[in-house]
Amino acid sequence: MKLNGIINIQRQSLSGNLEKTKQNRNYSDLLNKPRINDVELVDNKTAEELGLQEEMVEMTAQDIDEVLFGKEGMMQSWLRKNI
C-alpha cells in the first residue's frame, strides 16, 4: 500500500489518499537486491564468487586472543594471574 498526503503536526491532522499498489512477490523482480562484497545476490553464488572464505577454520580461544590483543593478549595474562 502507498500513502500520499500531508501530515500536519501542529493541527494534529492527517489528510491524503491510501492507494493499493502492486506488490513485488518475485525475488527476481526486486529493484534493489541485497549484495555481499558488492556482488548482487542472484542465482546460486559460490563462496568464491561472493569473495568469502571457502572453508571455515576453527580458532581456539588463544588464536582469537592473539588476533584481538597480540601474542601476549589480555586473556592469557588474566589466565596466568588467576589460574
PDB file of N, CA and C in Angstrom:
ATOM      1  N   MET A   1       0.828  -1.176   0.000  1.00  0.00           N
ATOM      2  CA  MET A   1       0.000   0.000   0.000  1.00  0.00           C
ATOM      3  C   MET A   1       0.877   1.245   0.000  1.00  0.00           C
ATOM      4  N   LYS A   2       0.321   2.295  -0.531  1.00  0.00           N
ATOM      5  CA  LYS A   2       1.065   3.543  -0.653  1.00  0.00           C
ATOM      6  C   LYS A   2       0.195   4.677  -0.124  1.00  0.00           C
ATOM      7  N   LEU A   3       0.771   5.518   0.702  1.00  0.00           N
ATOM      8  CA  LEU A   3       0.044   6.659   1.271  1.00  0.00           C
ATOM      9  C   LEU A   3       0.593   7.938   0.667  1.00  0.00           C
ATOM     10  N   ASN A   4      -0.287   8.701   0.075  1.00  0.00           N
ATOM     11  CA  ASN A   4       0.061  10.028  -0.440  1.00  0.00           C
ATOM     12  C   ASN A   4      -0.724  11.042   0.360  1.00  0.00           C
ATOM     13  N   GLY A   5      -0.081  12.060   0.856  1.00  0.00           N
ATOM     14  CA  GLY A   5      -0.831  13.070   1.571  1.00  0.00           C
ATOM     15  C   GLY A   5       0.058  13.967   2.396  1.00  0.00           C
ATOM     16  N   ILE A   6      -0.564  14.647   3.367  1.00  0.00           N
ATOM     17  CA  ILE A   6       0.131  15.624   4.197  1.00  0.00           C
ATOM     18  C   ILE A   6      -0.155  15.321   5.657  1.00  0.00           C
ATOM     19  N   ILE A   7       0.868  15.375   6.474  1.00  0.00           N
ATOM     20  CA  ILE A   7       0.716  15.259   7.919  1.00  0.00           C
ATOM     21  C   ILE A   7       0.987  16.635   8.499  1.00  0.00           C
ATOM     22  N   ASN A   8       0.023  17.175   9.244  1.00  0.00           N
ATOM     23  CA  ASN A   8       0.168  18.478   9.880  1.00  0.00           C
ATOM     24  C   ASN A   8       0.282  18.247  11.380  1.00  0.00           C
ATOM     25  N   ILE A   9       1.495  18.330  11.912  1.00  0.00           N
ATOM     26  CA  ILE A   9       1.741  18.034  13.318  1.00  0.00           C
ATOM     27  C   ILE A   9       1.096  19.079  14.223  1.00  0.00           C
ATOM     28  N   GLN A  10       1.144  20.345  13.851  1.00  0.00           N
ATOM     29  CA  GLN A  10       0.588  21.395  14.709  1.00  0.00           C
ATOM     30  C   GLN A  10      -0.927  21.268  14.848  1.00  0.00           C
ATOM     31  N   ARG A  11      -1.592  20.916  13.793  1.00  0.00           N
ATOM     32  CA  ARG A  11      -3.057  20.759  13.853  1.00  0.00           C
ATOM     33  C   ARG A  11      -3.451  19.327  14.209  1.00  0.00           C
ATOM     34  N   GLN A  12      -2.480  18.460  14.332  1.00  0.00           N
ATOM     35  CA  GLN A  12      -2.694  17.044  14.622  1.00  0.00           C
ATOM     36  C   GLN A  12      -3.702  16.439  13.651  1.00  0.00           C
ATOM     37  N   SER A  13      -3.420  16.636  12.373  1.00  0.00           N
ATOM     38  CA  SER A  13      -4.324  16.100  11.362  1.00  0.00           C
ATOM     39  C   SER A  13      -3.534  15.377  10.279  1.00  0.00           C
ATOM     40  N   LEU A  14      -4.225  14.501   9.613  1.00  0.00           N
ATOM     41  CA  LEU A  14      -3.645  13.741   8.519  1.00  0.00           C
ATOM     42  C   LEU A  14      -4.652  13.737   7.388  1.00  0.00           C
ATOM     43  N   SER A  15      -4.206  14.089   6.215  1.00  0.00           N
ATOM     44  CA  SER A  15      -5.102  14.024   5.065  1.00  0.00           C
ATOM     45  C   SER A  15      -4.343  13.411   3.907  1.00  0.00           C
ATOM     46  N   GLY A  16      -5.040  12.679   3.090  1.00  0.00           N
ATOM     47  CA  GLY A  16      -4.378  12.082   1.951  1.00  0.00           C
ATOM     48  C   GLY A  16      -5.165  10.918   1.387  1.00  0.00           C
ATOM     49  N   ASN A  17      -4.524  10.157   0.537  1.00  0.00           N
ATOM     50  CA  ASN A  17      -5.146   9.011  -0.117  1.00  0.00           C
ATOM     51  C   ASN A  17      -4.332   7.762   0.159  1.00  0.00           C
ATOM     52  N   LEU A  18      -5.013   6.671   0.341  1.00  0.00           N
ATOM     53  CA  LEU A  18      -4.362   5.383   0.507  1.00  0.00           C
ATOM     54  C   LEU A  18      -4.652   4.573  -0.742  1.00  0.00           C
ATOM     55  N   GLU A  19      -3.602   4.243  -1.476  1.00  0.00           N
ATOM     56  CA  GLU A  19      -3.770   3.515  -2.727  1.00  0.00           C
ATOM     57  C   GLU A  19      -3.179   2.126  -2.585  1.00  0.00           C
ATOM     58  N   LYS A  20      -3.864   1.174  -3.148  1.00  0.00           N
ATOM     59  CA  LYS A  20      -3.314  -0.175  -3.175  1.00  0.00           C
ATOM     60  C   LYS A  20      -2.404  -0.270  -4.398  1.00  0.00           C
ATOM     61  N   THR A  21      -1.164  -0.630  -4.167  1.00  0.00           N
ATOM     62  CA  THR A  21      -0.210  -0.754  -5.267  1.00  0.00           C
ATOM     63  C   THR A  21       0.176  -2.211  -5.430  1.00  0.00           C
ATOM     64  N   LYS A  22       0.616  -2.555  -6.610  1.00  0.00           N
ATOM     65  CA  LYS A  22       1.058  -3.919  -6.879  1.00  0.00           C
ATOM     66  C   LYS A  22       2.309  -4.195  -6.057  1.00  0.00           C
ATOM     67  N   GLN A  23       2.280  -5.302  -5.344  1.00  0.00           N
ATOM     68  CA  GLN A  23       3.441  -5.671  -4.541  1.00  0.00           C
ATOM     69  C   GLN A  23       4.291  -6.677  -5.299  1.00  0.00           C
ATOM     70  N   ASN A  24       5.586  -6.522  -5.150  1.00  0.00           N
ATOM     71  CA  ASN A  24       6.529  -7.447  -5.752  1.00  0.00           C
ATOM     72  C   ASN A  24       6.591  -8.715  -4.917  1.00  0.00           C
ATOM     73  N   ARG A  25       6.229  -9.814  -5.484  1.00  0.00           N
ATOM     74  CA  ARG A  25       6.286 -11.068  -4.747  1.00  0.00           C
ATOM     75  C   ARG A  25       7.335 -12.012  -5.340  1.00  0.00           C
ATOM     76  N   ASN A  26       8.024 -11.567  -6.357  1.00  0.00           N
ATOM     77  CA  ASN A  26       9.026 -12.389  -7.010  1.00  0.00           C
ATOM     78  C   ASN A  26      10.409 -11.765  -6.776  1.00  0.00           C
ATOM     79  N   TYR A  27      11.307 -12.517  -6.159  1.00  0.00           N
ATOM     80  CA  TYR A  27      12.634 -12.004  -5.805  1.00  0.00           C
ATOM     81  C   TYR A  27      13.365 -11.443  -7.021  1.00  0.00           C
ATOM     82  N   SER A  28      13.254 -12.121  -8.140  1.00  0.00           N
ATOM     83  CA  SER A  28      13.997 -11.672  -9.327  1.00  0.00           C
ATOM     84  C   SER A  28      13.522 -10.310  -9.824  1.00  0.00           C
ATOM     85  N   ASP A  29      12.310  -9.894  -9.444  1.00  0.00           N
ATOM     86  CA  ASP A  29      11.791  -8.589  -9.864  1.00  0.00           C
ATOM     87  C   ASP A  29      12.192  -7.443  -8.939  1.00  0.00           C
ATOM     88  N   LEU A  30      12.816  -7.740  -7.813  1.00  0.00           N
ATOM     89  CA  LEU A  30      13.221  -6.684  -6.883  1.00  0.00           C
ATOM     90  C   LEU A  30      14.211  -5.740  -7.555  1.00  0.00           C
ATOM     91  N   LEU A  31      14.054  -4.460  -7.295  1.00  0.00           N
ATOM     92  CA  LEU A  31      14.952  -3.477  -7.898  1.00  0.00           C
ATOM     93  C   LEU A  31      16.277  -3.379  -7.151  1.00  0.00           C
ATOM     94  N   ASN A  32      16.254  -3.456  -5.842  1.00  0.00           N
ATOM     95  CA  ASN A  32      17.471  -3.323  -5.034  1.00  0.00           C
ATOM     96  C   ASN A  32      17.746  -4.622  -4.289  1.00  0.00           C
ATOM     97  N   LYS A  33      18.315  -5.570  -4.989  1.00  0.00           N
ATOM     98  CA  LYS A  33      18.623  -6.855  -4.361  1.00  0.00           C
ATOM     99  C   LYS A  33      19.799  -6.684  -3.397  1.00  0.00           C
ATOM    100  N   PRO A  34      19.817  -7.486  -2.337  1.00  0.00           N
ATOM    101  CA  PRO A  34      20.950  -7.413  -1.406  1.00  0.00           C
ATOM    102  C   PRO A  34      22.250  -7.795  -2.099  1.00  0.00           C
ATOM    103  N   ARG A  35      23.359  -7.326  -1.520  1.00  0.00           N
ATOM    104  CA  ARG A  35      24.685  -7.591  -2.085  1.00  0.00           C
ATOM    105  C   ARG A  35      25.622  -8.029  -0.973  1.00  0.00           C
ATOM    106  N   ILE A  36      26.584  -8.854  -1.328  1.00  0.00           N
ATOM    107  CA  ILE A  36      27.684  -9.224  -0.438  1.00  0.00           C
ATOM    108  C   ILE A  36      28.963  -8.915  -1.192  1.00  0.00           C
ATOM    109  N   ASN A  37      29.834  -8.134  -0.578  1.00  0.00           N
ATOM    110  CA  ASN A  37      31.085  -7.722  -1.226  1.00  0.00           C
ATOM    111  C   ASN A  37      30.827  -7.175  -2.629  1.00  0.00           C
ATOM    112  N   ASP A  38      29.771  -6.370  -2.745  1.00  0.00           N
ATOM    113  CA  ASP A  38      29.378  -5.711  -3.987  1.00  0.00           C
ATOM    114  C   ASP A  38      28.950  -6.684  -5.086  1.00  0.00           C
ATOM    115  N   VAL A  39      28.565  -7.917  -4.715  1.00  0.00           N
ATOM    116  CA  VAL A  39      28.059  -8.892  -5.676  1.00  0.00           C
ATOM    117  C   VAL A  39      26.569  -9.074  -5.390  1.00  0.00           C
ATOM    118  N   GLU A  40      25.743  -8.814  -6.398  1.00  0.00           N
ATOM    119  CA  GLU A  40      24.295  -8.929  -6.224  1.00  0.00           C
ATOM    120  C   GLU A  40      23.903 -10.382  -5.985  1.00  0.00           C
ATOM    121  N   LEU A  41      23.018 -10.596  -5.021  1.00  0.00           N
ATOM    122  CA  LEU A  41      22.601 -11.949  -4.667  1.00  0.00           C
ATOM    123  C   LEU A  41      21.493 -12.424  -5.599  1.00  0.00           C
ATOM    124  N   VAL A  42      21.919 -12.991  -6.722  1.00  0.00           N
ATOM    125  CA  VAL A  42      21.010 -13.616  -7.681  1.00  0.00           C
ATOM    126  C   VAL A  42      21.578 -14.979  -8.028  1.00  0.00           C
ATOM    127  N   ASP A  43      20.700 -15.891  -8.392  1.00  0.00           N
ATOM    128  CA  ASP A  43      21.098 -17.264  -8.716  1.00  0.00           C
ATOM    129  C   ASP A  43      21.810 -17.900  -7.521  1.00  0.00           C
ATOM    130  N   ASN A  44      22.560 -18.933  -7.778  1.00  0.00           N
ATOM    131  CA  ASN A  44      23.308 -19.618  -6.722  1.00  0.00           C
ATOM    132  C   ASN A  44      24.777 -19.240  -6.829  1.00  0.00           C
ATOM    133  N   LYS A  45      25.207 -18.345  -5.971  1.00  0.00           N
ATOM    134  CA  LYS A  45      26.597 -17.882  -5.983  1.00  0.00           C
ATOM    135  C   LYS A  45      27.443 -18.759  -5.072  1.00  0.00           C
ATOM    136  N   THR A  46      28.666 -18.988  -5.481  1.00  0.00           N
ATOM    137  CA  THR A  46      29.609 -19.725  -4.647  1.00  0.00           C
ATOM    138  C   THR A  46      30.290 -18.755  -3.688  1.00  0.00           C
ATOM    139  N   ALA A  47      30.916 -19.328  -2.663  1.00  0.00           N
ATOM    140  CA  ALA A  47      31.671 -18.505  -1.717  1.00  0.00           C
ATOM    141  C   ALA A  47      32.747 -17.719  -2.464  1.00  0.00           C
ATOM    142  N   GLU A  48      33.367 -18.354  -3.439  1.00  0.00           N
ATOM    143  CA  GLU A  48      34.418 -17.683  -4.211  1.00  0.00           C
ATOM    144  C   GLU A  48      33.843 -16.495  -4.992  1.00  0.00           C
ATOM    145  N   GLU A  49      32.673 -16.679  -5.621  1.00  0.00           N
ATOM    146  CA  GLU A  49      32.050 -15.591  -6.379  1.00  0.00           C
ATOM    147  C   GLU A  49      31.673 -14.415  -5.476  1.00  0.00           C
ATOM    148  N   LEU A  50      31.330 -14.716  -4.210  1.00  0.00           N
ATOM    149  CA  LEU A  50      30.963 -13.670  -3.262  1.00  0.00           C
ATOM    150  C   LEU A  50      32.162 -13.107  -2.518  1.00  0.00           C
ATOM    151  N   GLY A  51      33.345 -13.644  -2.798  1.00  0.00           N
ATOM    152  CA  GLY A  51      34.553 -13.171  -2.133  1.00  0.00           C
ATOM    153  C   GLY A  51      34.613 -13.581  -0.672  1.00  0.00           C
ATOM    154  N   LEU A  52      34.039 -14.740  -0.360  1.00  0.00           N
ATOM    155  CA  LEU A  52      34.028 -15.236   1.012  1.00  0.00           C
ATOM    156  C   LEU A  52      35.098 -16.301   1.210  1.00  0.00           C
ATOM    157  N   GLN A  53      35.373 -16.585   2.450  1.00  0.00           N
ATOM    158  CA  GLN A  53      36.294 -17.664   2.795  1.00  0.00           C
ATOM    159  C   GLN A  53      35.630 -18.979   2.394  1.00  0.00           C
ATOM    160  N   GLU A  54      36.323 -19.809   1.618  1.00  0.00           N
ATOM    161  CA  GLU A  54      35.726 -21.043   1.120  1.00  0.00           C
ATOM    162  C   GLU A  54      35.568 -22.096   2.206  1.00  0.00           C
ATOM    163  N   GLU A  55      36.508 -22.169   3.092  1.00  0.00           N
ATOM    164  CA  GLU A  55      36.474 -23.197   4.126  1.00  0.00           C
ATOM    165  C   GLU A  55      36.692 -22.544   5.481  1.00  0.00           C
ATOM    166  N   MET A  56      35.861 -22.916   6.438  1.00  0.00           N
ATOM    167  CA  MET A  56      35.988 -22.366   7.785  1.00  0.00           C
ATOM    168  C   MET A  56      37.142 -23.046   8.509  1.00  0.00           C
ATOM    169  N   VAL A  57      37.887 -22.264   9.250  1.00  0.00           N
ATOM    170  CA  VAL A  57      38.999 -22.782  10.039  1.00  0.00           C
ATOM    171  C   VAL A  57      38.669 -22.538  11.502  1.00  0.00           C
ATOM    172  N   GLU A  58      38.746 -23.601  12.297  1.00  0.00           N
ATOM    173  CA  GLU A  58      38.431 -23.468  13.715  1.00  0.00           C
ATOM    174  C   GLU A  58      39.526 -22.679  14.418  1.00  0.00           C
ATOM    175  N   MET A  59      39.106 -21.752  15.261  1.00  0.00           N
ATOM    176  CA  MET A  59      40.056 -20.955  16.036  1.00  0.00           C
ATOM    177  C   MET A  59      39.881 -21.280  17.511  1.00  0.00           C
ATOM    178  N   THR A  60      40.984 -21.412  18.194  1.00  0.00           N
ATOM    179  CA  THR A  60      40.946 -21.635  19.633  1.00  0.00           C
ATOM    180  C   THR A  60      40.798 -20.285  20.334  1.00  0.00           C
ATOM    181  N   ALA A  61      40.520 -20.336  21.632  1.00  0.00           N
ATOM    182  CA  ALA A  61      40.434 -19.101  22.414  1.00  0.00           C
ATOM    183  C   ALA A  61      41.759 -18.346  22.344  1.00  0.00           C
ATOM    184  N   GLN A  62      42.856 -19.076  22.331  1.00  0.00           N
ATOM    185  CA  GLN A  62      44.182 -18.445  22.254  1.00  0.00           C
ATOM    186  C   GLN A  62      44.364 -17.754  20.901  1.00  0.00           C
ATOM    187  N   ASP A  63      43.931 -18.414  19.818  1.00  0.00           N
ATOM    188  CA  ASP A  63      44.021 -17.802  18.487  1.00  0.00           C
ATOM    189  C   ASP A  63      43.256 -16.480  18.439  1.00  0.00           C
ATOM    190  N   ILE A  64      42.035 -16.488  18.971  1.00  0.00           N
ATOM    191  CA  ILE A  64      41.203 -15.281  18.981  1.00  0.00           C
ATOM    192  C   ILE A  64      41.861 -14.193  19.810  1.00  0.00           C
ATOM    193  N   ASP A  65      42.387 -14.579  20.967  1.00  0.00           N
ATOM    194  CA  ASP A  65      43.064 -13.620  21.839  1.00  0.00           C
ATOM    195  C   ASP A  65      44.253 -12.977  21.126  1.00  0.00           C
ATOM    196  N   GLU A  66      45.021 -13.783  20.397  1.00  0.00           N
ATOM    197  CA  GLU A  66      46.185 -13.258  19.676  1.00  0.00           C
ATOM    198  C   GLU A  66      45.762 -12.311  18.558  1.00  0.00           C
ATOM    199  N   VAL A  67      44.665 -12.636  17.868  1.00  0.00           N
ATOM    200  CA  VAL A  67      44.175 -11.764  16.801  1.00  0.00           C
ATOM    201  C   VAL A  67      43.730 -10.424  17.379  1.00  0.00           C
ATOM    202  N   LEU A  68      43.014 -10.476  18.503  1.00  0.00           N
ATOM    203  CA  LEU A  68      42.468  -9.251  19.087  1.00  0.00           C
ATOM    204  C   LEU A  68      43.487  -8.432  19.860  1.00  0.00           C
ATOM    205  N   PHE A  69      44.372  -9.104  20.593  1.00  0.00           N
ATOM    206  CA  PHE A  69      45.221  -8.394  21.545  1.00  0.00           C
ATOM    207  C   PHE A  69      46.718  -8.624  21.360  1.00  0.00           C
ATOM    208  N   GLY A  70      47.113  -9.332  20.319  1.00  0.00           N
ATOM    209  CA  GLY A  70      48.527  -9.594  20.109  1.00  0.00           C
ATOM    210  C   GLY A  70      48.961 -10.895  20.768  1.00  0.00           C
ATOM    211  N   LYS A  71      50.229 -11.221  20.596  1.00  0.00           N
ATOM    212  CA  LYS A  71      50.751 -12.504  21.073  1.00  0.00           C
ATOM    213  C   LYS A  71      50.522 -12.693  22.567  1.00  0.00           C
ATOM    214  N   GLU A  72      50.789 -11.691  23.372  1.00  0.00           N
ATOM    215  CA  GLU A  72      50.571 -11.775  24.821  1.00  0.00           C
ATOM    216  C   GLU A  72      49.300 -10.993  25.128  1.00  0.00           C
ATOM    217  N   GLY A  73      48.155 -11.592  24.815  1.00  0.00           N
ATOM    218  CA  GLY A  73      46.881 -10.908  24.952  1.00  0.00           C
ATOM    219  C   GLY A  73      46.368 -10.839  26.370  1.00  0.00           C
ATOM    220  N   MET A  74      45.272 -10.127  26.509  1.00  0.00           N
ATOM    221  CA  MET A  74      44.660  -9.913  27.817  1.00  0.00           C
ATOM    222  C   MET A  74      44.172 -11.218  28.432  1.00  0.00           C
ATOM    223  N   MET A  75      43.600 -12.104  27.607  1.00  0.00           N
ATOM    224  CA  MET A  75      43.090 -13.369  28.126  1.00  0.00           C
ATOM    225  C   MET A  75      44.221 -14.201  28.707  1.00  0.00           C
ATOM    226  N   GLN A  76      45.332 -14.270  28.000  1.00  0.00           N
ATOM    227  CA  GLN A  76      46.477 -15.043  28.503  1.00  0.00           C
ATOM    228  C   GLN A  76      46.986 -14.450  29.812  1.00  0.00           C
ATOM    229  N   SER A  77      47.071 -13.149  29.884  1.00  0.00           N
ATOM    230  CA  SER A  77      47.529 -12.500  31.114  1.00  0.00           C
ATOM    231  C   SER A  77      46.580 -12.802  32.262  1.00  0.00           C
ATOM    232  N   TRP A  78      45.292 -12.726  32.023  1.00  0.00           N
ATOM    233  CA  TRP A  78      44.299 -12.999  33.061  1.00  0.00           C
ATOM    234  C   TRP A  78      44.383 -14.453  33.517  1.00  0.00           C
ATOM    235  N   LEU A  79      44.498 -15.376  32.551  1.00  0.00           N
ATOM    236  CA  LEU A  79      44.590 -16.798  32.909  1.00  0.00           C
ATOM    237  C   LEU A  79      45.822 -17.072  33.763  1.00  0.00           C
ATOM    238  N   ARG A  80      46.954 -16.474  33.377  1.00  0.00           N
ATOM    239  CA  ARG A  80      48.189 -16.685  34.133  1.00  0.00           C
ATOM    240  C   ARG A  80      48.043 -16.191  35.571  1.00  0.00           C
ATOM    241  N   LYS A  81      47.365 -15.078  35.768  1.00  0.00           N
ATOM    242  CA  LYS A  81      47.225 -14.495  37.099  1.00  0.00           C
ATOM    243  C   LYS A  81      46.164 -15.204  37.936  1.00  0.00           C
ATOM    244  N   ASN A  82      45.150 -15.766  37.302  1.00  0.00           N
ATOM    245  CA  ASN A  82      44.002 -16.277  38.033  1.00  0.00           C
ATOM    246  C   ASN A  82      43.873 -17.797  38.061  1.00  0.00           C
ATOM    247  N   ILE A  83      44.683 -18.492  37.327  1.00  0.00           N
ATOM    248  CA  ILE A  83      44.565 -19.962  37.335  1.00  0.00           C
ATOM    249  C   ILE A  83      45.874 -20.594  37.779  1.00  0.00           C
TER     250      ILE A  83
END
